[in-house]
């Protein structure tokens, strides 16, 4: 057995099944060196980052399965790793902080139990080592989920309140536009009244008042421009309202990481 090659393979192992299988096959070729193999994997297991520890647990599991399938009578790898599993599982439970990684360790232990690799009492002890950390992470997960649900409920109320505020704001702006339309109507009425006065003056006095004509033309031009401007503003206002409605429906409280900040960034239509 090439110890340097084994150390390199163990250190460079990845989550790919082929990587684990290749390293396991190499180890299975040298059952007479099971003690050295277990020692090398143990050292790498202990020194590995917490997110990589599961890879070495999978490697140990694969080596044990390969040995079982090889039907060796003395099971050297089962014995060598069995002497180290308590220490390794203690390290695993202490270092790992992802509940999914703990569940993977439970799955490996269940497989060993199913295949009668180790005695049930020994496997129960391994579960007992994992259980406190599992309960702790499960409780933390429950608290986080509860906080998240509370935030969602608060965000929903915030969204509803903001929608109400925007509706009031839109209603007020609609009132301003209607008031502008009334002002336009008043200006048109004033223009018509002045025009009628001018026509009566022309008919009765046979006098052409050019200053009044100029004034009427200015009033007419101003009314036309004012009317065009407010019609455009009214159209823009209703388009903005339509876009706001479509956006609120489309979003439907989309999965935002921080909905409170997201809706704070919204501004009422100007």
Protein backbone atom coordinates (compact mmCIF):
# COMPACT_ATOMS: atom_id res chain seq x y z
CA UNK A 1 0.00 0.00 0.00
CA UNK A 2 1.23 3.46 -0.94
CA UNK A 3 0.62 5.51 2.21
CA UNK A 4 1.26 8.86 0.51
CA UNK A 5 -1.22 8.02 -2.23
CA UNK A 6 -3.83 7.05 0.36
CA UNK A 7 -3.25 10.23 2.36
CA UNK A 8 -3.63 12.30 -0.81
CA UNK A 9 -6.83 10.52 -1.84
CA UNK A 10 -8.35 10.86 1.63
CA UNK A 11 -7.44 14.55 1.86
CA UNK A 12 -8.80 15.35 -1.61
CA UNK A 13 -12.04 13.40 -1.31
CA UNK A 14 -15.16 15.17 -2.63
CA UNK A 15 -18.91 14.75 -2.33
CA UNK A 16 -19.03 12.90 -5.65
CA UNK A 17 -19.92 9.26 -5.18
CA UNK A 18 -17.12 8.23 -7.56
CA UNK A 19 -14.55 9.98 -5.36
CA UNK A 20 -15.71 8.15 -2.23
CA UNK A 21 -16.04 4.86 -4.10
CA UNK A 22 -12.59 5.11 -5.65
CA UNK A 23 -10.94 5.77 -2.28
CA UNK A 24 -12.94 2.97 -0.65
CA UNK A 25 -11.93 0.51 -3.37
CA UNK A 26 -8.28 1.38 -2.82
CA UNK A 27 -8.61 0.80 0.92
CA UNK A 28 -10.48 -2.48 0.43
CA UNK A 29 -7.57 -3.80 -1.60
CA UNK A 30 -5.39 -3.78 1.53
CA UNK A 31 -7.36 -5.35 4.40
CA UNK A 32 -4.08 -6.32 6.03
CA UNK A 33 -3.37 -2.59 6.50
CA UNK A 34 -6.79 -1.81 8.00
CA UNK A 35 -5.22 -0.36 11.14
CA UNK A 36 -3.11 2.13 9.19
CA UNK A 37 -6.04 3.05 6.91
CA UNK A 38 -8.33 3.64 9.90
CA UNK A 39 -5.62 5.76 11.56
CA UNK A 40 -5.16 7.97 8.46
CA UNK A 41 -8.92 8.47 8.00
CA UNK A 42 -9.35 9.18 11.73
CA UNK A 43 -6.73 11.94 11.64
CA UNK A 44 -8.28 13.53 8.56
CA UNK A 45 -11.77 13.23 10.10
CA UNK A 46 -10.71 15.05 13.28
CA UNK A 47 -8.81 17.83 11.49
CA UNK A 48 -11.38 18.41 8.72
CA UNK A 49 -13.67 21.42 8.58
CA UNK A 50 -17.12 20.77 9.98
CA UNK A 51 -18.78 20.82 6.56
CA UNK A 52 -16.39 18.08 5.30
CA UNK A 53 -16.69 15.69 8.24
CA UNK A 54 -19.70 13.97 6.70
CA UNK A 55 -17.52 12.99 3.70
CA UNK A 56 -15.22 10.95 5.95
CA UNK A 57 -18.21 9.40 7.68
CA UNK A 58 -19.49 8.36 4.23
CA UNK A 59 -16.03 7.00 3.38
CA UNK A 60 -15.96 4.87 6.53
CA UNK A 61 -19.47 3.67 5.75
CA UNK A 62 -18.51 2.74 2.18
CA UNK A 63 -15.38 0.85 3.30
CA UNK A 64 -17.48 -1.13 5.78
CA UNK A 65 -20.09 -1.92 3.11
CA UNK A 66 -17.39 -3.02 0.67
CA UNK A 67 -15.93 -5.31 3.31
CA UNK A 68 -19.36 -6.79 4.03
CA UNK A 69 -19.92 -7.43 0.33
CA UNK A 70 -16.47 -9.03 0.08
CA UNK A 71 -17.61 -11.49 2.80
CA UNK A 72 -14.32 -11.53 4.65
CA UNK A 73 -14.46 -13.74 7.69
CA UNK A 74 -12.58 -11.55 10.14
CA UNK A 75 -13.93 -8.10 9.04
CA UNK A 76 -10.74 -6.15 9.91
CA UNK A 77 -12.15 -2.75 8.88
CA UNK A 78 -15.32 -3.23 10.93
CA UNK A 79 -13.17 -3.94 13.97
CA UNK A 80 -10.68 -1.10 13.41
CA UNK A 81 -13.32 1.56 12.78
CA UNK A 82 -15.51 0.17 15.56
CA UNK A 83 -12.77 1.05 18.04
CA UNK A 84 -12.73 4.65 16.78
CA UNK A 85 -16.39 5.39 16.06
CA UNK A 86 -17.26 6.67 19.54
CA UNK A 87 -14.47 9.25 19.38
CA UNK A 88 -15.36 10.22 15.81
CA UNK A 89 -19.08 10.58 16.51
CA UNK A 90 -18.29 12.70 19.58
CA UNK A 91 -16.22 15.02 17.39
CA UNK A 92 -18.94 15.00 14.73
CA UNK A 93 -21.67 15.96 17.20
CA UNK A 94 -19.53 18.70 18.74
CA UNK A 95 -18.41 20.31 15.47
CA UNK A 96 -21.36 19.96 13.11
CA UNK A 97 -24.03 22.67 13.30
CA UNK A 98 -26.25 21.65 10.39
CA UNK A 99 -29.19 19.45 11.33
CA UNK A 100 -29.10 17.86 7.87
CA UNK A 101 -25.58 16.57 8.55
CA UNK A 102 -26.74 15.01 11.82
CA UNK A 103 -29.62 13.33 10.02
CA UNK A 104 -27.11 11.84 7.56
CA UNK A 105 -25.18 10.38 10.49
CA UNK A 106 -28.42 8.86 11.83
CA UNK A 107 -29.05 7.35 8.39
CA UNK A 108 -25.61 5.70 8.37
CA UNK A 109 -26.21 4.24 11.83
CA UNK A 110 -29.61 2.89 10.73
CA UNK A 111 -27.95 1.17 7.78
CA UNK A 112 -25.37 -0.44 10.08
CA UNK A 113 -28.22 -1.61 12.29
CA UNK A 114 -30.14 -3.02 9.33
CA UNK A 115 -27.08 -4.87 7.99
CA UNK A 116 -26.10 -6.14 11.46
CA UNK A 117 -22.69 -4.51 11.21
CA UNK A 118 -22.47 -3.53 14.89
CA UNK A 119 -24.36 -4.57 18.00
CA UNK A 120 -27.61 -2.62 18.60
CA UNK A 121 -26.47 -1.52 22.06
CA UNK A 122 -23.31 0.02 20.57
CA UNK A 123 -25.35 1.79 17.88
CA UNK A 124 -27.75 3.12 20.52
CA UNK A 125 -24.76 4.64 22.30
CA UNK A 126 -23.74 6.37 19.06
CA UNK A 127 -27.27 7.74 18.69
CA UNK A 128 -27.14 8.91 22.28
CA UNK A 129 -24.03 10.93 21.49
CA UNK A 130 -25.79 12.66 18.58
CA UNK A 131 -29.15 13.20 20.28
CA UNK A 132 -28.37 16.26 22.50
CA UNK A 133 -26.92 18.19 19.56
CA UNK A 134 -29.82 17.12 17.35
CA UNK A 135 -32.36 18.30 19.96
CA UNK A 136 -30.51 21.60 20.31
CA UNK A 137 -30.46 22.26 16.56
CA UNK A 138 -34.07 21.16 16.22
CA UNK A 139 -35.10 23.65 18.91
CA UNK A 140 -33.10 26.42 17.25
CA UNK A 141 -34.75 25.60 13.94
CA UNK A 142 -38.18 25.76 15.57
CA UNK A 143 -37.39 29.20 17.06
CA UNK A 144 -36.13 30.50 13.71
CA UNK A 145 -39.23 29.20 11.93
CA UNK A 146 -41.47 30.84 14.54
CA UNK A 147 -39.65 34.16 14.16
CA UNK A 148 -39.95 33.87 10.39
CA UNK A 149 -43.69 33.18 10.65
CA UNK A 150 -44.13 36.18 12.95
CA UNK A 151 -42.21 38.36 10.50
CA UNK A 152 -44.39 37.14 7.65
CA UNK A 153 -47.52 37.96 9.65
CA UNK A 154 -46.15 41.42 10.52
CA UNK A 155 -45.13 42.01 6.92
CA UNK A 156 -48.59 41.04 5.72
CA UNK A 157 -50.16 43.60 8.05
CA UNK A 158 -47.60 46.19 6.94
CA UNK A 159 -48.37 45.51 3.29
CA UNK A 160 -52.09 45.87 3.91
CA UNK A 161 -51.55 49.16 5.75
CA UNK A 162 -49.32 50.50 2.98
CA UNK A 163 -51.92 49.52 0.40
CA UNK A 164 -54.57 51.39 2.38
CA UNK A 165 -52.30 54.45 2.59
CA UNK A 166 -51.63 54.30 -1.14
CA UNK A 167 -55.35 53.96 -1.82
CA UNK A 168 -56.06 57.06 0.28
CA UNK A 169 -53.23 58.88 -1.48
CA UNK A 170 -54.59 57.88 -4.87
CA UNK A 171 -58.10 58.94 -3.86
CA UNK A 172 -56.82 62.35 -2.78
CA UNK A 173 -54.96 62.82 -6.07
CA UNK A 174 -58.09 61.81 -7.93
CA UNK A 175 -59.93 64.54 -6.00
CA UNK A 176 -57.28 67.06 -7.11
CA UNK A 177 -57.69 66.01 -10.73
CA UNK A 178 -61.46 66.31 -10.51
CA UNK A 179 -61.02 69.75 -8.96
CA UNK A 180 -58.75 70.68 -11.88
CA UNK A 181 -61.42 69.53 -14.30
CA UNK A 182 -63.94 71.71 -12.48
CA UNK A 183 -61.54 74.66 -12.79
CA UNK A 184 -61.27 73.95 -16.52
CA UNK A 185 -65.05 73.97 -16.76
CA UNK A 186 -65.16 77.31 -14.91
CA UNK A 187 -62.57 78.80 -17.27
CA UNK A 188 -64.49 77.57 -20.29
CA UNK A 189 -67.68 79.09 -18.85
CA UNK A 190 -65.90 82.42 -18.26
CA UNK A 191 -64.58 82.33 -21.80
CA UNK A 192 -68.05 81.69 -23.22
CA UNK A 193 -69.55 84.47 -21.09
CA UNK A 194 -66.92 86.99 -22.19
CA UNK A 195 -67.33 85.92 -25.78
CA UNK A 196 -71.11 86.41 -25.58
CA UNK A 197 -70.59 89.88 -24.09
CA UNK A 198 -68.26 90.77 -26.91
CA UNK A 199 -70.69 89.59 -29.56
CA UNK A 200 -73.54 91.57 -27.98
CA UNK A 201 -71.34 94.66 -27.82
CA UNK A 202 -70.44 94.26 -31.48
CA UNK A 203 -74.08 93.90 -32.50
CA UNK A 204 -75.41 96.77 -30.38
CA UNK A 205 -72.59 99.27 -30.66
CA UNK A 206 -71.16 98.19 -33.98
CA UNK A 207 -67.73 98.57 -32.39
CA UNK A 208 -64.84 96.22 -32.77
CA UNK A 209 -62.81 96.09 -29.53
CA UNK A 210 -59.47 94.67 -30.59
CA UNK A 211 -58.13 94.63 -27.03
CA UNK A 212 -61.04 92.46 -25.96
CA UNK A 213 -60.41 90.21 -28.98
CA UNK A 214 -56.79 89.77 -27.94
CA UNK A 215 -57.87 89.10 -24.36
CA UNK A 216 -60.38 86.48 -25.52
CA UNK A 217 -57.76 84.82 -27.69
CA UNK A 218 -55.35 84.67 -24.74
CA UNK A 219 -58.08 83.23 -22.51
CA UNK A 220 -58.95 80.65 -25.15
CA UNK A 221 -55.32 79.64 -25.63
CA UNK A 222 -54.78 79.41 -21.86
CA UNK A 223 -57.91 77.28 -21.43
CA UNK A 224 -56.83 74.99 -24.26
CA UNK A 225 -53.35 74.49 -22.80
CA UNK A 226 -54.72 74.01 -19.28
CA UNK A 227 -57.22 71.46 -20.55
CA UNK A 228 -54.57 69.52 -22.51
CA UNK A 229 -52.19 69.52 -19.54
CA UNK A 230 -54.79 68.23 -17.10
CA UNK A 231 -56.06 65.60 -19.52
CA UNK A 232 -52.49 64.30 -19.81
CA UNK A 233 -52.03 64.37 -16.04
CA UNK A 234 -55.30 62.52 -15.54
CA UNK A 235 -54.29 59.85 -18.05
CA UNK A 236 -50.89 59.46 -16.38
CA UNK A 237 -52.60 59.21 -12.99
CA UNK A 238 -54.91 56.39 -14.12
CA UNK A 239 -52.04 54.58 -15.85
CA UNK A 240 -50.03 54.77 -12.61
CA UNK A 241 -53.01 53.43 -10.69
CA UNK A 242 -53.34 50.55 -13.15
CA UNK A 243 -49.63 49.75 -12.93
CA UNK A 244 -49.73 49.84 -9.14
CA UNK A 245 -52.67 47.44 -9.10
CA UNK A 246 -51.00 45.05 -11.52
CA UNK A 247 -47.78 45.15 -9.55
CA UNK A 248 -49.48 44.43 -6.22
CA UNK A 249 -51.39 41.54 -7.74
CA UNK A 250 -48.29 40.17 -9.47
CA UNK A 251 -46.15 40.39 -6.38
CA UNK A 252 -48.80 38.83 -4.15
CA UNK A 253 -46.40 39.14 -1.28
CA UNK A 254 -43.55 37.59 -3.28
CA UNK A 255 -40.82 35.71 -1.45
CA UNK A 256 -38.78 38.67 -0.36
CA UNK A 257 -36.04 38.12 2.22
CA UNK A 258 -36.97 41.36 3.92
CA UNK A 259 -40.45 42.49 2.96
CA UNK A 260 -40.52 45.30 5.51
CA UNK A 261 -37.54 47.02 3.88
CA UNK A 262 -38.89 46.19 0.45
CA UNK A 263 -42.21 47.91 1.02
CA UNK A 264 -40.58 50.79 2.86
CA UNK A 265 -38.80 51.49 -0.40
CA UNK A 266 -42.14 51.94 -2.13
CA UNK A 267 -43.23 55.52 -2.66
CA UNK A 268 -46.78 56.79 -3.16
CA UNK A 269 -47.52 57.86 -6.70
CA UNK A 270 -46.53 61.48 -7.24
